Protein backbone atom coordinates (compact mmCIF):
# COMPACT_ATOMS: atom_id res chain seq x y z
CA UNK A 1 0.00 0.00 0.00
CA UNK A 2 1.15 3.55 -0.72
CA UNK A 3 2.49 5.72 2.09
CA UNK A 4 -0.17 8.17 3.27
CA UNK A 5 1.43 9.59 6.43
CA UNK A 6 4.99 10.60 7.27
CA UNK A 7 5.28 10.37 11.07
CA UNK A 8 8.37 11.95 12.63
CA UNK A 9 9.91 11.49 16.03
CA UNK A 10 11.23 14.85 17.24
CA UNK A 11 14.27 14.49 19.53
CA UNK A 12 17.28 13.22 17.61
CA UNK A 13 15.46 13.42 14.27
CA UNK A 14 14.39 17.05 13.92
CA UNK A 15 15.30 18.53 17.31
CA UNK A 16 18.79 18.42 18.75
CA UNK A 17 18.78 17.01 22.27
CA UNK A 18 21.42 16.78 24.93
CA UNK A 19 19.57 13.68 26.06
CA UNK A 20 21.59 10.60 26.81
CA UNK A 21 24.91 12.39 26.42
CA UNK A 22 23.86 14.69 29.25
CA UNK A 23 22.31 11.83 31.20
CA UNK A 24 25.68 10.11 31.28
CA UNK A 25 26.88 12.96 33.48
CA UNK A 26 24.32 11.99 36.11
CA UNK A 27 24.21 8.20 35.75
CA UNK A 28 26.86 5.62 36.50
CA UNK A 29 26.71 4.44 32.90
CA UNK A 30 28.46 5.63 29.74
CA UNK A 31 27.10 3.20 27.14
CA UNK A 32 24.41 5.07 25.23
CA UNK A 33 22.38 2.01 24.25
CA UNK A 34 22.26 0.86 27.88
CA UNK A 35 21.31 4.35 29.01
CA UNK A 36 18.43 4.35 26.51
CA UNK A 37 17.28 0.95 27.72
CA UNK A 38 17.30 2.13 31.35
CA UNK A 39 15.67 5.44 30.45
CA UNK A 40 12.78 3.90 28.52
CA UNK A 41 12.16 1.34 31.28
CA UNK A 42 12.51 3.78 34.20
CA UNK A 43 9.23 4.10 36.14
CA UNK A 44 9.81 7.80 36.80
CA UNK A 45 10.43 8.56 33.13
CA UNK A 46 7.32 6.61 32.21
CA UNK A 47 5.22 8.47 34.77
CA UNK A 48 6.47 11.90 33.74
CA UNK A 49 6.19 11.32 30.01
CA UNK A 50 2.68 9.92 30.42
CA UNK A 51 1.63 13.06 32.30
CA UNK A 52 1.20 11.23 35.62
CA UNK A 53 3.48 13.34 37.83
CA UNK A 54 4.84 16.88 37.95
CA UNK A 55 8.41 17.90 37.18
CA UNK A 56 9.51 18.17 40.81
CA UNK A 57 8.32 14.66 41.67
CA UNK A 58 10.01 13.39 38.52
CA UNK A 59 13.33 15.01 39.42
CA UNK A 60 13.25 13.76 43.00
CA UNK A 61 12.38 10.24 41.84
CA UNK A 62 15.16 10.24 39.24
CA UNK A 63 17.82 11.40 41.68
CA UNK A 64 16.84 8.71 44.17
CA UNK A 65 16.27 5.80 41.76
CA UNK A 66 19.41 6.47 39.70
CA UNK A 67 21.53 7.19 42.81
CA UNK A 68 22.63 10.53 41.39
CA UNK A 69 25.25 12.60 43.16
CA UNK A 70 23.28 15.81 42.68
CA UNK A 71 20.15 17.54 43.92
CA UNK A 72 16.73 17.29 42.31
CA UNK A 73 16.82 20.99 41.45
CA UNK A 74 20.21 20.67 39.74
CA UNK A 75 19.05 17.68 37.73
CA UNK A 76 15.81 19.40 36.73
CA UNK A 77 17.68 22.52 35.63
CA UNK A 78 19.92 20.45 33.37
CA UNK A 79 17.03 18.33 32.12
CA UNK A 80 14.97 21.37 31.14
CA UNK A 81 17.77 22.50 28.80
CA UNK A 82 18.05 19.21 26.87
CA UNK A 83 16.06 20.45 23.84
CA UNK A 84 18.61 22.61 22.00
CA UNK A 85 16.54 23.63 18.97
CA UNK A 86 15.72 22.42 15.49
CA UNK A 87 18.60 20.81 13.62
CA UNK A 88 19.84 22.85 10.66
CA UNK A 89 17.81 21.77 7.66
CA UNK A 90 14.90 20.35 9.69
CA UNK A 91 12.40 23.00 8.66
CA UNK A 92 13.55 22.78 5.04
CA UNK A 93 13.14 18.99 5.11
CA UNK A 94 9.51 19.25 6.18
CA UNK A 95 8.91 21.85 3.50
CA UNK A 96 10.33 19.59 0.80
CA UNK A 97 7.84 16.76 1.32
CA UNK A 98 5.57 16.37 -1.68
CA UNK A 99 2.15 17.29 -0.31
CA UNK A 100 0.65 17.08 -3.79
CA UNK A 101 0.64 13.30 -3.20
CA UNK A 102 -1.97 13.86 -0.48
CA UNK A 103 0.47 13.03 2.31
CA UNK A 104 -0.21 13.93 5.92
CA UNK A 105 2.76 15.06 8.02
CA UNK A 106 2.63 14.31 11.74
CA UNK A 107 4.95 13.95 14.72
CA UNK A 108 4.96 11.50 17.62
CA UNK A 109 7.25 12.26 20.55
CA UNK A 110 7.84 10.86 23.99
CA UNK A 111 7.94 14.14 25.85
CA UNK A 112 6.61 16.02 28.85
CA UNK A 113 4.99 19.33 29.68
CA UNK A 114 8.37 20.92 30.40
CA UNK A 115 9.95 20.04 27.05
CA UNK A 116 6.76 20.38 25.01
CA UNK A 117 6.70 24.10 25.79
CA UNK A 118 10.12 24.37 24.11
CA UNK A 119 8.93 22.35 21.11
CA UNK A 120 5.80 24.37 20.47
CA UNK A 121 6.59 27.89 21.65
CA UNK A 122 10.31 28.25 20.94
CA UNK A 123 10.86 25.85 18.05
CA UNK A 124 7.62 26.39 16.13
CA UNK A 125 6.66 22.71 15.98
CA UNK A 126 3.00 23.62 15.70
CA UNK A 127 3.70 25.32 12.37
CA UNK A 128 5.40 22.26 10.85
CA UNK A 129 2.87 19.48 11.39
CA UNK A 130 -0.75 18.95 10.55
CA UNK A 131 -1.07 16.56 13.50
CA UNK A 132 1.07 16.04 16.58
CA UNK A 133 1.12 13.34 19.25
CA UNK A 134 2.83 14.07 22.57
CA UNK A 135 3.05 11.19 25.03
CA UNK A 136 2.23 13.28 28.12
CA UNK A 137 -1.02 14.37 26.47
CA UNK A 138 -1.86 10.86 25.23
CA UNK A 139 -1.08 9.00 28.45
CA UNK A 140 0.89 6.36 26.53
CA UNK A 141 4.42 6.29 25.17
CA UNK A 142 6.83 4.57 22.83
CA UNK A 143 7.84 1.80 22.43
CA UNK A 144 4.62 0.39 23.92
CA UNK A 145 2.24 -1.19 21.43
CA UNK A 146 -0.69 0.74 22.88
CA UNK A 147 1.02 4.03 21.97
CA UNK A 148 1.39 3.11 18.32
CA UNK A 149 -2.14 1.71 18.22
CA UNK A 150 -3.38 5.03 19.66
CA UNK A 151 -1.63 6.98 16.88
CA UNK A 152 -2.89 4.66 14.13
CA UNK A 153 -6.48 4.99 15.37
CA UNK A 154 -6.21 8.77 15.64
CA UNK A 155 -4.78 9.10 12.14
CA UNK A 156 -7.51 6.88 10.73
CA UNK A 157 -5.17 5.23 8.23
CA UNK A 158 -3.99 1.62 7.89
CA UNK A 159 -0.80 1.11 9.90
CA UNK A 160 1.11 -0.08 6.84
CA UNK A 161 0.50 3.29 5.13
CA UNK A 162 2.35 5.18 7.89
CA UNK A 163 6.10 5.74 7.56
CA UNK A 164 7.62 6.39 11.00
CA UNK A 165 11.12 7.85 11.46
CA UNK A 166 12.83 7.59 14.86
CA UNK A 167 16.45 7.72 15.96
CA UNK A 168 16.00 4.97 18.55
CA UNK A 169 16.08 1.36 17.36
CA UNK A 170 13.90 0.26 20.30
CA UNK A 171 11.12 2.56 19.09
CA UNK A 172 11.59 1.48 15.48
CA UNK A 173 11.11 -2.14 16.49
CA UNK A 174 8.02 -1.20 18.49
CA UNK A 175 6.51 0.61 15.50
CA UNK A 176 7.18 -2.33 13.19
CA UNK A 177 5.56 -4.71 15.67
CA UNK A 178 2.45 -2.52 15.48
CA UNK A 179 2.42 -2.79 11.68
CA UNK A 180 3.89 0.60 10.76
CA UNK A 181 6.66 1.05 8.25
CA UNK A 182 9.52 2.31 10.36
CA UNK A 183 13.12 3.35 9.73
CA UNK A 184 15.86 4.52 12.02
CA UNK A 185 16.97 8.06 11.18
CA UNK A 186 19.31 10.39 13.04
CA UNK A 187 18.95 14.00 11.98
CA UNK A 188 17.48 15.60 8.87
CA UNK A 189 20.14 14.17 6.54
CA UNK A 190 19.28 10.53 7.18
CA UNK A 191 15.58 11.39 7.22
CA UNK A 192 15.87 13.08 3.83
CA UNK A 193 17.59 10.02 2.36
CA UNK A 194 14.77 7.74 3.55
CA UNK A 195 12.07 10.04 2.23
CA UNK A 196 13.86 10.33 -1.11
CA UNK A 197 14.20 6.55 -1.33
CA UNK A 198 10.44 6.29 -0.92
CA UNK A 199 9.74 9.03 -3.50
CA UNK A 200 8.14 11.38 -0.97
CA UNK A 201 10.07 14.57 -1.77
CA UNK A 202 9.28 17.18 -4.37
CA UNK A 203 11.40 16.89 -7.50
C-alpha atoms as a PDB file:
ATOM      1  CA  UNK A   1       0.000   0.000   0.000  1.00  0.00           C
ATOM      2  CA  UNK A   2       1.152   3.546  -0.723  1.00  0.00           C
ATOM      3  CA  UNK A   3       2.487   5.717   2.089  1.00  0.00           C
ATOM      4  CA  UNK A   4      -0.173   8.170   3.266  1.00  0.00           C
ATOM      5  CA  UNK A   5       1.434   9.591   6.429  1.00  0.00           C
ATOM      6  CA  UNK A   6       4.987  10.596   7.272  1.00  0.00           C
ATOM      7  CA  UNK A   7       5.277  10.374  11.069  1.00  0.00           C
ATOM      8  CA  UNK A   8       8.372  11.945  12.634  1.00  0.00           C
ATOM      9  CA  UNK A   9       9.906  11.485  16.030  1.00  0.00           C
ATOM     10  CA  UNK A  10      11.229  14.851  17.238  1.00  0.00           C
ATOM     11  CA  UNK A  11      14.265  14.494  19.529  1.00  0.00           C
ATOM     12  CA  UNK A  12      17.275  13.219  17.606  1.00  0.00           C
ATOM     13  CA  UNK A  13      15.455  13.420  14.268  1.00  0.00           C
ATOM     14  CA  UNK A  14      14.385  17.046  13.918  1.00  0.00           C
ATOM     15  CA  UNK A  15      15.296  18.526  17.310  1.00  0.00           C
ATOM     16  CA  UNK A  16      18.789  18.425  18.746  1.00  0.00           C
ATOM     17  CA  UNK A  17      18.777  17.014  22.267  1.00  0.00           C
ATOM     18  CA  UNK A  18      21.419  16.783  24.931  1.00  0.00           C
ATOM     19  CA  UNK A  19      19.567  13.678  26.058  1.00  0.00           C
ATOM     20  CA  UNK A  20      21.591  10.596  26.813  1.00  0.00           C
ATOM     21  CA  UNK A  21      24.907  12.388  26.415  1.00  0.00           C
ATOM     22  CA  UNK A  22      23.861  14.692  29.249  1.00  0.00           C
ATOM     23  CA  UNK A  23      22.308  11.830  31.203  1.00  0.00           C
ATOM     24  CA  UNK A  24      25.679  10.107  31.278  1.00  0.00           C
ATOM     25  CA  UNK A  25      26.884  12.960  33.476  1.00  0.00           C
ATOM     26  CA  UNK A  26      24.318  11.989  36.109  1.00  0.00           C
ATOM     27  CA  UNK A  27      24.207   8.205  35.754  1.00  0.00           C
ATOM     28  CA  UNK A  28      26.864   5.621  36.501  1.00  0.00           C
ATOM     29  CA  UNK A  29      26.711   4.438  32.897  1.00  0.00           C
ATOM     30  CA  UNK A  30      28.464   5.628  29.736  1.00  0.00           C
ATOM     31  CA  UNK A  31      27.102   3.195  27.145  1.00  0.00           C
ATOM     32  CA  UNK A  32      24.409   5.073  25.225  1.00  0.00           C
ATOM     33  CA  UNK A  33      22.377   2.010  24.253  1.00  0.00           C
ATOM     34  CA  UNK A  34      22.259   0.863  27.876  1.00  0.00           C
ATOM     35  CA  UNK A  35      21.306   4.351  29.008  1.00  0.00           C
ATOM     36  CA  UNK A  36      18.429   4.350  26.511  1.00  0.00           C
ATOM     37  CA  UNK A  37      17.283   0.950  27.719  1.00  0.00           C
ATOM     38  CA  UNK A  38      17.300   2.128  31.347  1.00  0.00           C
ATOM     39  CA  UNK A  39      15.665   5.438  30.446  1.00  0.00           C
ATOM     40  CA  UNK A  40      12.778   3.903  28.524  1.00  0.00           C
ATOM     41  CA  UNK A  41      12.163   1.339  31.277  1.00  0.00           C
ATOM     42  CA  UNK A  42      12.513   3.780  34.197  1.00  0.00           C
ATOM     43  CA  UNK A  43       9.229   4.096  36.143  1.00  0.00           C
ATOM     44  CA  UNK A  44       9.813   7.804  36.803  1.00  0.00           C
ATOM     45  CA  UNK A  45      10.430   8.559  33.133  1.00  0.00           C
ATOM     46  CA  UNK A  46       7.315   6.605  32.206  1.00  0.00           C
ATOM     47  CA  UNK A  47       5.222   8.475  34.771  1.00  0.00           C
ATOM     48  CA  UNK A  48       6.471  11.903  33.737  1.00  0.00           C
ATOM     49  CA  UNK A  49       6.186  11.319  30.010  1.00  0.00           C
ATOM     50  CA  UNK A  50       2.678   9.921  30.421  1.00  0.00           C
ATOM     51  CA  UNK A  51       1.633  13.063  32.303  1.00  0.00           C
ATOM     52  CA  UNK A  52       1.201  11.233  35.620  1.00  0.00           C
ATOM     53  CA  UNK A  53       3.484  13.341  37.830  1.00  0.00           C
ATOM     54  CA  UNK A  54       4.842  16.881  37.951  1.00  0.00           C
ATOM     55  CA  UNK A  55       8.409  17.901  37.180  1.00  0.00           C
ATOM     56  CA  UNK A  56       9.512  18.168  40.813  1.00  0.00           C
ATOM     57  CA  UNK A  57       8.321  14.662  41.671  1.00  0.00           C
ATOM     58  CA  UNK A  58      10.010  13.387  38.516  1.00  0.00           C
ATOM     59  CA  UNK A  59      13.331  15.014  39.418  1.00  0.00           C
ATOM     60  CA  UNK A  60      13.254  13.764  43.001  1.00  0.00           C
ATOM     61  CA  UNK A  61      12.377  10.244  41.844  1.00  0.00           C
ATOM     62  CA  UNK A  62      15.155  10.240  39.244  1.00  0.00           C
ATOM     63  CA  UNK A  63      17.822  11.397  41.677  1.00  0.00           C
ATOM     64  CA  UNK A  64      16.843   8.706  44.169  1.00  0.00           C
ATOM     65  CA  UNK A  65      16.272   5.800  41.757  1.00  0.00           C
ATOM     66  CA  UNK A  66      19.413   6.472  39.695  1.00  0.00           C
ATOM     67  CA  UNK A  67      21.532   7.185  42.815  1.00  0.00           C
ATOM     68  CA  UNK A  68      22.630  10.533  41.388  1.00  0.00           C
ATOM     69  CA  UNK A  69      25.252  12.596  43.160  1.00  0.00           C
ATOM     70  CA  UNK A  70      23.279  15.807  42.683  1.00  0.00           C
ATOM     71  CA  UNK A  71      20.147  17.544  43.915  1.00  0.00           C
ATOM     72  CA  UNK A  72      16.728  17.292  42.311  1.00  0.00           C
ATOM     73  CA  UNK A  73      16.822  20.995  41.452  1.00  0.00           C
ATOM     74  CA  UNK A  74      20.207  20.669  39.740  1.00  0.00           C
ATOM     75  CA  UNK A  75      19.053  17.679  37.728  1.00  0.00           C
ATOM     76  CA  UNK A  76      15.809  19.403  36.735  1.00  0.00           C
ATOM     77  CA  UNK A  77      17.679  22.524  35.633  1.00  0.00           C
ATOM     78  CA  UNK A  78      19.920  20.445  33.371  1.00  0.00           C
ATOM     79  CA  UNK A  79      17.030  18.328  32.119  1.00  0.00           C
ATOM     80  CA  UNK A  80      14.969  21.366  31.141  1.00  0.00           C
ATOM     81  CA  UNK A  81      17.766  22.500  28.796  1.00  0.00           C
ATOM     82  CA  UNK A  82      18.048  19.207  26.869  1.00  0.00           C
ATOM     83  CA  UNK A  83      16.061  20.446  23.835  1.00  0.00           C
ATOM     84  CA  UNK A  84      18.614  22.609  21.999  1.00  0.00           C
ATOM     85  CA  UNK A  85      16.543  23.629  18.973  1.00  0.00           C
ATOM     86  CA  UNK A  86      15.721  22.418  15.488  1.00  0.00           C
ATOM     87  CA  UNK A  87      18.596  20.809  13.617  1.00  0.00           C
ATOM     88  CA  UNK A  88      19.841  22.851  10.657  1.00  0.00           C
ATOM     89  CA  UNK A  89      17.805  21.767   7.660  1.00  0.00           C
ATOM     90  CA  UNK A  90      14.901  20.350   9.689  1.00  0.00           C
ATOM     91  CA  UNK A  91      12.404  23.002   8.656  1.00  0.00           C
ATOM     92  CA  UNK A  92      13.547  22.775   5.035  1.00  0.00           C
ATOM     93  CA  UNK A  93      13.136  18.994   5.108  1.00  0.00           C
ATOM     94  CA  UNK A  94       9.515  19.255   6.182  1.00  0.00           C
ATOM     95  CA  UNK A  95       8.908  21.855   3.495  1.00  0.00           C
ATOM     96  CA  UNK A  96      10.333  19.592   0.799  1.00  0.00           C
ATOM     97  CA  UNK A  97       7.835  16.763   1.324  1.00  0.00           C
ATOM     98  CA  UNK A  98       5.571  16.374  -1.683  1.00  0.00           C
ATOM     99  CA  UNK A  99       2.146  17.286  -0.310  1.00  0.00           C
ATOM    100  CA  UNK A 100       0.648  17.078  -3.790  1.00  0.00           C
ATOM    101  CA  UNK A 101       0.638  13.304  -3.197  1.00  0.00           C
ATOM    102  CA  UNK A 102      -1.974  13.859  -0.481  1.00  0.00           C
ATOM    103  CA  UNK A 103       0.469  13.032   2.306  1.00  0.00           C
ATOM    104  CA  UNK A 104      -0.208  13.935   5.922  1.00  0.00           C
ATOM    105  CA  UNK A 105       2.760  15.056   8.024  1.00  0.00           C
ATOM    106  CA  UNK A 106       2.631  14.306  11.738  1.00  0.00           C
ATOM    107  CA  UNK A 107       4.950  13.947  14.716  1.00  0.00           C
ATOM    108  CA  UNK A 108       4.961  11.501  17.620  1.00  0.00           C
ATOM    109  CA  UNK A 109       7.248  12.257  20.545  1.00  0.00           C
ATOM    110  CA  UNK A 110       7.842  10.856  23.991  1.00  0.00           C
ATOM    111  CA  UNK A 111       7.939  14.139  25.845  1.00  0.00           C
ATOM    112  CA  UNK A 112       6.611  16.015  28.847  1.00  0.00           C
ATOM    113  CA  UNK A 113       4.990  19.335  29.676  1.00  0.00           C
ATOM    114  CA  UNK A 114       8.371  20.920  30.396  1.00  0.00           C
ATOM    115  CA  UNK A 115       9.947  20.041  27.049  1.00  0.00           C
ATOM    116  CA  UNK A 116       6.755  20.383  25.015  1.00  0.00           C
ATOM    117  CA  UNK A 117       6.701  24.099  25.786  1.00  0.00           C
ATOM    118  CA  UNK A 118      10.118  24.372  24.108  1.00  0.00           C
ATOM    119  CA  UNK A 119       8.934  22.355  21.112  1.00  0.00           C
ATOM    120  CA  UNK A 120       5.799  24.373  20.472  1.00  0.00           C
ATOM    121  CA  UNK A 121       6.590  27.890  21.645  1.00  0.00           C
ATOM    122  CA  UNK A 122      10.307  28.250  20.943  1.00  0.00           C
ATOM    123  CA  UNK A 123      10.864  25.852  18.054  1.00  0.00           C
ATOM    124  CA  UNK A 124       7.620  26.387  16.128  1.00  0.00           C
ATOM    125  CA  UNK A 125       6.662  22.707  15.982  1.00  0.00           C
ATOM    126  CA  UNK A 126       2.999  23.616  15.704  1.00  0.00           C
ATOM    127  CA  UNK A 127       3.697  25.316  12.366  1.00  0.00           C
ATOM    128  CA  UNK A 128       5.404  22.263  10.853  1.00  0.00           C
ATOM    129  CA  UNK A 129       2.866  19.484  11.393  1.00  0.00           C
ATOM    130  CA  UNK A 130      -0.751  18.952  10.551  1.00  0.00           C
ATOM    131  CA  UNK A 131      -1.074  16.563  13.498  1.00  0.00           C
ATOM    132  CA  UNK A 132       1.067  16.035  16.578  1.00  0.00           C
ATOM    133  CA  UNK A 133       1.123  13.336  19.245  1.00  0.00           C
ATOM    134  CA  UNK A 134       2.832  14.072  22.566  1.00  0.00           C
ATOM    135  CA  UNK A 135       3.047  11.193  25.034  1.00  0.00           C
ATOM    136  CA  UNK A 136       2.235  13.282  28.117  1.00  0.00           C
ATOM    137  CA  UNK A 137      -1.024  14.369  26.471  1.00  0.00           C
ATOM    138  CA  UNK A 138      -1.856  10.858  25.226  1.00  0.00           C
ATOM    139  CA  UNK A 139      -1.083   9.001  28.450  1.00  0.00           C
ATOM    140  CA  UNK A 140       0.891   6.358  26.528  1.00  0.00           C
ATOM    141  CA  UNK A 141       4.419   6.294  25.173  1.00  0.00           C
ATOM    142  CA  UNK A 142       6.832   4.570  22.827  1.00  0.00           C
ATOM    143  CA  UNK A 143       7.840   1.799  22.427  1.00  0.00           C
ATOM    144  CA  UNK A 144       4.623   0.387  23.917  1.00  0.00           C
ATOM    145  CA  UNK A 145       2.243  -1.194  21.428  1.00  0.00           C
ATOM    146  CA  UNK A 146      -0.691   0.744  22.876  1.00  0.00           C
ATOM    147  CA  UNK A 147       1.022   4.027  21.974  1.00  0.00           C
ATOM    148  CA  UNK A 148       1.390   3.110  18.315  1.00  0.00           C
ATOM    149  CA  UNK A 149      -2.139   1.713  18.223  1.00  0.00           C
ATOM    150  CA  UNK A 150      -3.379   5.026  19.657  1.00  0.00           C
ATOM    151  CA  UNK A 151      -1.634   6.976  16.877  1.00  0.00           C
ATOM    152  CA  UNK A 152      -2.895   4.665  14.127  1.00  0.00           C
ATOM    153  CA  UNK A 153      -6.483   4.993  15.371  1.00  0.00           C
ATOM    154  CA  UNK A 154      -6.208   8.774  15.637  1.00  0.00           C
ATOM    155  CA  UNK A 155      -4.784   9.099  12.139  1.00  0.00           C
ATOM    156  CA  UNK A 156      -7.505   6.876  10.734  1.00  0.00           C
ATOM    157  CA  UNK A 157      -5.174   5.230   8.233  1.00  0.00           C
ATOM    158  CA  UNK A 158      -3.990   1.619   7.894  1.00  0.00           C
ATOM    159  CA  UNK A 159      -0.796   1.110   9.903  1.00  0.00           C
ATOM    160  CA  UNK A 160       1.111  -0.075   6.842  1.00  0.00           C
ATOM    161  CA  UNK A 161       0.505   3.290   5.127  1.00  0.00           C
ATOM    162  CA  UNK A 162       2.346   5.184   7.889  1.00  0.00           C
ATOM    163  CA  UNK A 163       6.103   5.745   7.558  1.00  0.00           C
ATOM    164  CA  UNK A 164       7.618   6.389  10.996  1.00  0.00           C
ATOM    165  CA  UNK A 165      11.119   7.853  11.456  1.00  0.00           C
ATOM    166  CA  UNK A 166      12.831   7.588  14.858  1.00  0.00           C
ATOM    167  CA  UNK A 167      16.450   7.718  15.959  1.00  0.00           C
ATOM    168  CA  UNK A 168      16.004   4.967  18.554  1.00  0.00           C
ATOM    169  CA  UNK A 169      16.079   1.363  17.361  1.00  0.00           C
ATOM    170  CA  UNK A 170      13.903   0.262  20.299  1.00  0.00           C
ATOM    171  CA  UNK A 171      11.120   2.557  19.093  1.00  0.00           C
ATOM    172  CA  UNK A 172      11.590   1.484  15.481  1.00  0.00           C
ATOM    173  CA  UNK A 173      11.106  -2.144  16.492  1.00  0.00           C
ATOM    174  CA  UNK A 174       8.016  -1.199  18.487  1.00  0.00           C
ATOM    175  CA  UNK A 175       6.513   0.605  15.505  1.00  0.00           C
ATOM    176  CA  UNK A 176       7.176  -2.328  13.188  1.00  0.00           C
ATOM    177  CA  UNK A 177       5.564  -4.712  15.666  1.00  0.00           C
ATOM    178  CA  UNK A 178       2.448  -2.518  15.484  1.00  0.00           C
ATOM    179  CA  UNK A 179       2.423  -2.792  11.678  1.00  0.00           C
ATOM    180  CA  UNK A 180       3.885   0.598  10.758  1.00  0.00           C
ATOM    181  CA  UNK A 181       6.656   1.049   8.252  1.00  0.00           C
ATOM    182  CA  UNK A 182       9.525   2.314  10.361  1.00  0.00           C
ATOM    183  CA  UNK A 183      13.118   3.352   9.732  1.00  0.00           C
ATOM    184  CA  UNK A 184      15.863   4.521  12.021  1.00  0.00           C
ATOM    185  CA  UNK A 185      16.974   8.061  11.181  1.00  0.00           C
ATOM    186  CA  UNK A 186      19.313  10.393  13.044  1.00  0.00           C
ATOM    187  CA  UNK A 187      18.948  13.995  11.979  1.00  0.00           C
ATOM    188  CA  UNK A 188      17.482  15.599   8.867  1.00  0.00           C
ATOM    189  CA  UNK A 189      20.140  14.169   6.540  1.00  0.00           C
ATOM    190  CA  UNK A 190      19.280  10.535   7.183  1.00  0.00           C
ATOM    191  CA  UNK A 191      15.583  11.391   7.219  1.00  0.00           C
ATOM    192  CA  UNK A 192      15.868  13.076   3.832  1.00  0.00           C
ATOM    193  CA  UNK A 193      17.595  10.015   2.364  1.00  0.00           C
ATOM    194  CA  UNK A 194      14.770   7.738   3.548  1.00  0.00           C
ATOM    195  CA  UNK A 195      12.072  10.040   2.231  1.00  0.00           C
ATOM    196  CA  UNK A 196      13.859  10.335  -1.109  1.00  0.00           C
ATOM    197  CA  UNK A 197      14.199   6.548  -1.333  1.00  0.00           C
ATOM    198  CA  UNK A 198      10.436   6.288  -0.923  1.00  0.00           C
ATOM    199  CA  UNK A 199       9.736   9.025  -3.500  1.00  0.00           C
ATOM    200  CA  UNK A 200       8.138  11.379  -0.972  1.00  0.00           C
ATOM    201  CA  UNK A 201      10.074  14.569  -1.769  1.00  0.00           C
ATOM    202  CA  UNK A 202       9.279  17.183  -4.373  1.00  0.00           C
ATOM    203  CA  UNK A 203      11.397  16.889  -7.499  1.00  0.00           C
END
